[in-house]
Structure formats: C-alpha cells, structure tokens
C-alpha cells in the first residue's frame, strides 16, 4: 500500500509538471509562430531556423547540462528547463498553419477593413489555429513525464525522491529482493505518459 501511495503521488506530480510545461509551450510557441508567419521576411525565417535548432538539439541533454550545474534541482527548475525547448514544436505548427491562414479571404477582408497586424493575429489567426496546434499538447506532456522520470533516475530529480524516476531507482536497487517495485514503477511511467498522449488525441475529436 505504501508503494502504491508513493506511485500515486509521483504520478500526480508528474502530470502536474507535464500539463504546466505543455501549456507554457503552447502559450509561448503558438503566438510566436503565428506572428512570424504573419510578418514574413527575416523574422519568419529567423523563427523557423530557431525552431530547427531547438528541435535538433536533444532536450534531455540540455536538461542534464543545466541541472548538473544546480546544487539541488527543484520541480520549478525542471519546469523551466523543459520549457526552454517545449515551445518549439508549437511554434513550428503555428508557423506552418498561419502560412495557410494568412492568405485566406477572411484575413484579407480584415486587413482591407483596417485591422492592424496585432488585431488580425489576436482575433482571426490564433482562434483558427489553436485547435490544430493543441494537438501537440499530448505529445509534449508525455515526453515531459518520461524526461522527468529519466532525470530523477540518474539523480537529477527534485529533492525528496517522490517521483517516478525515484521509484525506478529504488526498484533497480532492490531488484533481486523486491522485483515488484521496479515493475510497478515501469508500469506507472508507461501508463502516465500513454494516458496523457491518449487524452491529448481524444481532446481533438
């Protein structure tokens, strides 16, 4: 029962972190990508290249490098590190979708009526692309759960040991005496990440 209670709390904290980081990524990435596509030119190319660079660099390696320099990583520090790269997929999707929307008749009509770039972005572009960009929420959340567990497993998790990675670490340490600990931890990581991914996909239907 103590193991199940520990896993339940760890799952709750992992889901809270995943949801927070995914929403921050959406809030930062979607407006940035949409604004870049709407403004075109160098700004659009610069945002696109930045997204390429961020997505090409493994976020787990970045998290290892940053958290290794922190004496005692907190859950807030984990969230900040994950948010450094979480915005890029949302910006990429918003950039691609806005390239389609910017030539739509309703956008041209808004511009012809005197609506400025900010108004077009806020009132016409973002409401029409959020449904598509939000598809990334589930994928980002699931990746955060796995990454948080991996970091905690290698000793870079938040203090206290209440994390899915901490459960896995304890399971490996007592694998011969109590193999069920590792089994429960592994199932919890899989179930939590899969549930977030499925929930994100179901929300789009």
Protein backbone atom coordinates (compact mmCIF):
# COMPACT_ATOMS: atom_id res chain seq x y z
CA UNK A 1 0.00 0.00 0.00
CA UNK A 2 2.89 2.39 0.79
CA UNK A 3 4.35 1.73 -2.67
CA UNK A 4 1.02 2.45 -4.37
CA UNK A 5 0.63 5.65 -2.35
CA UNK A 6 4.13 6.76 -3.34
CA UNK A 7 3.49 5.99 -7.01
CA UNK A 8 0.15 7.84 -6.90
CA UNK A 9 1.76 10.99 -5.53
CA UNK A 10 4.62 10.70 -8.02
CA UNK A 11 2.15 10.32 -10.90
CA UNK A 12 0.16 13.33 -9.74
CA UNK A 13 3.29 15.49 -9.59
CA UNK A 14 4.49 14.24 -12.98
CA UNK A 15 1.13 15.03 -14.59
CA UNK A 16 1.04 18.48 -12.99
CA UNK A 17 4.54 19.25 -14.30
CA UNK A 18 3.72 17.89 -17.76
CA UNK A 19 0.50 19.89 -18.06
CA UNK A 20 2.15 23.09 -16.84
CA UNK A 21 5.09 22.82 -19.23
CA UNK A 22 2.86 21.90 -22.18
CA UNK A 23 0.56 24.87 -21.55
CA UNK A 24 3.54 27.21 -21.24
CA UNK A 25 4.92 25.83 -24.50
CA UNK A 26 1.56 26.44 -26.18
CA UNK A 27 1.25 29.95 -24.75
CA UNK A 28 4.75 30.92 -25.90
CA UNK A 29 5.10 28.99 -29.14
CA UNK A 30 1.74 29.48 -30.82
CA UNK A 31 1.72 33.33 -30.78
CA UNK A 32 5.40 33.45 -31.75
CA UNK A 33 4.99 31.14 -34.73
CA UNK A 34 1.80 32.85 -35.86
CA UNK A 35 3.33 36.32 -35.58
CA UNK A 36 6.42 35.23 -37.51
CA UNK A 37 4.36 33.83 -40.40
CA UNK A 38 2.13 36.90 -40.43
CA UNK A 39 5.06 39.35 -40.51
CA UNK A 40 7.02 37.29 -43.06
CA UNK A 41 10.54 38.27 -44.10
CA UNK A 42 13.57 37.92 -41.84
CA UNK A 43 11.56 37.45 -38.69
CA UNK A 44 9.76 34.47 -40.17
CA UNK A 45 13.00 32.90 -41.37
CA UNK A 46 14.68 33.60 -38.03
CA UNK A 47 11.92 31.93 -36.01
CA UNK A 48 11.90 28.97 -38.38
CA UNK A 49 15.68 28.47 -38.08
CA UNK A 50 15.50 28.83 -34.30
CA UNK A 51 12.82 26.13 -34.15
CA UNK A 52 15.02 23.89 -36.30
CA UNK A 53 17.97 24.44 -33.97
CA UNK A 54 16.00 23.85 -30.77
CA UNK A 55 14.32 20.69 -32.10
CA UNK A 56 17.59 19.32 -33.48
CA UNK A 57 19.30 19.52 -30.08
CA UNK A 58 18.23 16.75 -27.66
CA UNK A 59 16.26 18.38 -24.86
CA UNK A 60 17.31 15.67 -22.42
CA UNK A 61 20.99 16.54 -22.96
CA UNK A 62 20.21 20.21 -22.36
CA UNK A 63 18.37 19.33 -19.16
CA UNK A 64 21.33 17.23 -17.99
CA UNK A 65 23.75 20.07 -18.66
CA UNK A 66 21.67 22.72 -16.91
CA UNK A 67 20.55 20.68 -13.92
CA UNK A 68 24.07 19.34 -13.32
CA UNK A 69 25.11 22.90 -12.51
CA UNK A 70 22.28 23.30 -9.95
CA UNK A 71 23.14 22.20 -6.43
CA UNK A 72 19.62 21.00 -5.61
CA UNK A 73 17.25 20.88 -8.59
CA UNK A 74 13.67 21.81 -7.74
CA UNK A 75 10.49 20.96 -9.61
CA UNK A 76 10.31 24.59 -10.70
CA UNK A 77 13.83 24.34 -12.15
CA UNK A 78 12.77 21.21 -14.04
CA UNK A 79 9.80 23.06 -15.47
CA UNK A 80 11.94 25.98 -16.60
CA UNK A 81 14.46 23.68 -18.30
CA UNK A 82 11.74 21.76 -20.11
CA UNK A 83 10.02 24.99 -21.15
CA UNK A 84 13.23 26.14 -22.86
CA UNK A 85 12.54 23.63 -25.63
CA UNK A 86 8.82 22.86 -25.26
CA UNK A 87 7.73 25.97 -27.18
CA UNK A 88 9.46 24.99 -30.44
CA UNK A 89 7.02 22.30 -31.70
CA UNK A 90 4.08 24.61 -31.03
CA UNK A 91 5.79 27.47 -32.86
CA UNK A 92 6.58 25.21 -35.80
CA UNK A 93 2.95 24.07 -36.12
CA UNK A 94 1.63 27.62 -35.73
CA UNK A 95 4.09 28.87 -38.34
CA UNK A 96 3.00 26.28 -40.90
CA UNK A 97 -0.71 26.77 -40.27
CA UNK A 98 -0.52 30.56 -40.34
CA UNK A 99 1.13 30.40 -43.75
CA UNK A 100 -2.15 28.91 -44.96
CA UNK A 101 -4.42 31.21 -42.98
CA UNK A 102 -2.65 34.47 -43.88
CA UNK A 103 -3.85 34.17 -47.49
CA UNK A 104 -7.43 33.30 -46.53
CA UNK A 105 -10.29 35.51 -47.58
CA UNK A 106 -11.33 36.41 -44.02
CA UNK A 107 -7.81 37.62 -43.20
CA UNK A 108 -7.65 39.71 -46.36
CA UNK A 109 -11.07 41.16 -45.52
CA UNK A 110 -9.91 42.09 -42.01
CA UNK A 111 -6.84 43.84 -43.43
CA UNK A 112 -8.97 45.66 -46.01
CA UNK A 113 -11.24 46.92 -43.22
CA UNK A 114 -8.23 48.46 -41.48
CA UNK A 115 -7.43 45.83 -38.91
CA UNK A 116 -3.77 46.03 -37.83
CA UNK A 117 -1.37 43.08 -37.54
CA UNK A 118 -1.99 42.69 -33.81
CA UNK A 119 -5.75 42.62 -34.28
CA UNK A 120 -5.52 40.17 -37.17
CA UNK A 121 -3.29 37.92 -35.09
CA UNK A 122 -5.41 38.02 -31.94
CA UNK A 123 -8.89 37.98 -33.46
CA UNK A 124 -8.51 35.97 -36.65
CA UNK A 125 -5.31 33.90 -36.77
CA UNK A 126 -4.90 32.50 -33.26
CA UNK A 127 -8.54 31.39 -32.76
CA UNK A 128 -8.38 29.45 -36.02
CA UNK A 129 -5.10 27.66 -35.41
CA UNK A 130 -5.26 26.80 -31.72
CA UNK A 131 -7.27 23.65 -32.39
CA UNK A 132 -4.56 22.33 -34.67
CA UNK A 133 -1.61 23.47 -32.58
CA UNK A 134 -3.17 21.98 -29.43
CA UNK A 135 -2.63 18.52 -30.93
CA UNK A 136 0.96 18.88 -29.70
CA UNK A 137 -0.15 19.14 -26.06
CA UNK A 138 -0.45 15.38 -25.57
CA UNK A 139 2.89 14.59 -27.21
CA UNK A 140 4.69 17.26 -25.22
CA UNK A 141 3.11 16.19 -21.94
CA UNK A 142 4.01 12.53 -22.48
CA UNK A 143 7.61 13.47 -23.32
CA UNK A 144 7.86 15.56 -20.16
CA UNK A 145 6.73 12.63 -17.99
CA UNK A 146 9.38 10.34 -19.48
CA UNK A 147 12.10 13.01 -19.30
CA UNK A 148 11.31 13.87 -15.68
CA UNK A 149 11.45 10.21 -14.74
CA UNK A 150 14.77 9.75 -16.57
CA UNK A 151 16.34 12.76 -14.87
CA UNK A 152 15.20 11.60 -11.44
CA UNK A 153 16.53 8.12 -12.21
CA UNK A 154 20.03 9.50 -12.82
CA UNK A 155 19.90 11.61 -9.67
CA UNK A 156 18.85 15.00 -11.07
CA UNK A 157 15.27 14.96 -9.91
CA UNK A 158 13.63 17.15 -7.27
CA UNK A 159 14.57 16.57 -3.61
CA UNK A 160 12.56 14.12 -1.55
CA UNK A 161 12.61 11.23 -4.01
CA UNK A 162 8.86 11.44 -4.70
CA UNK A 163 8.99 10.96 -8.46
CA UNK A 164 8.51 8.18 -10.95
CA UNK A 165 12.24 8.15 -11.63
CA UNK A 166 12.89 7.81 -7.91
CA UNK A 167 10.62 4.76 -7.80
CA UNK A 168 12.52 3.26 -10.72
CA UNK A 169 15.82 3.94 -8.98
CA UNK A 170 14.61 2.21 -5.82
CA UNK A 171 13.32 -0.67 -7.94
CA UNK A 172 16.72 -1.21 -9.55
CA UNK A 173 18.45 -1.07 -6.16
CA UNK A 174 16.23 -3.83 -4.73
CA UNK A 175 15.51 -5.68 -7.96
CA UNK A 176 16.52 -9.09 -6.60
CA UNK A 177 14.77 -8.75 -3.24
CA UNK A 178 11.63 -6.92 -4.38
CA UNK A 179 11.22 -7.01 -8.17
CA UNK A 180 7.64 -5.75 -7.92
CA UNK A 181 8.93 -2.24 -7.08
CA UNK A 182 10.64 -1.93 -10.46
CA UNK A 183 7.63 -3.46 -12.21
CA UNK A 184 5.19 -1.04 -10.59
CA UNK A 185 7.44 1.93 -11.37
CA UNK A 186 7.86 0.93 -15.01
CA UNK A 187 4.13 0.39 -15.46
CA UNK A 188 3.43 3.75 -13.81
CA UNK A 189 5.74 5.63 -16.19
CA UNK A 190 4.22 3.90 -19.22
CA UNK A 191 0.63 4.33 -18.05
CA UNK A 192 1.07 8.01 -17.15
CA UNK A 193 2.76 9.02 -20.40
CA UNK A 194 0.37 6.93 -22.51
CA UNK A 195 -2.67 8.37 -20.72
CA UNK A 196 -1.54 11.94 -21.38
CA UNK A 197 -0.88 11.13 -25.03
CA UNK A 198 -4.28 9.48 -25.47
CA UNK A 199 -6.03 12.32 -23.64
CA UNK A 200 -4.39 14.87 -25.91
CA UNK A 201 -5.51 12.99 -29.01
CA UNK A 202 -9.04 12.43 -27.70
CA UNK A 203 -9.44 16.13 -26.96
CA UNK A 204 -9.12 16.89 -30.67
CA UNK A 205 -12.02 14.64 -31.71
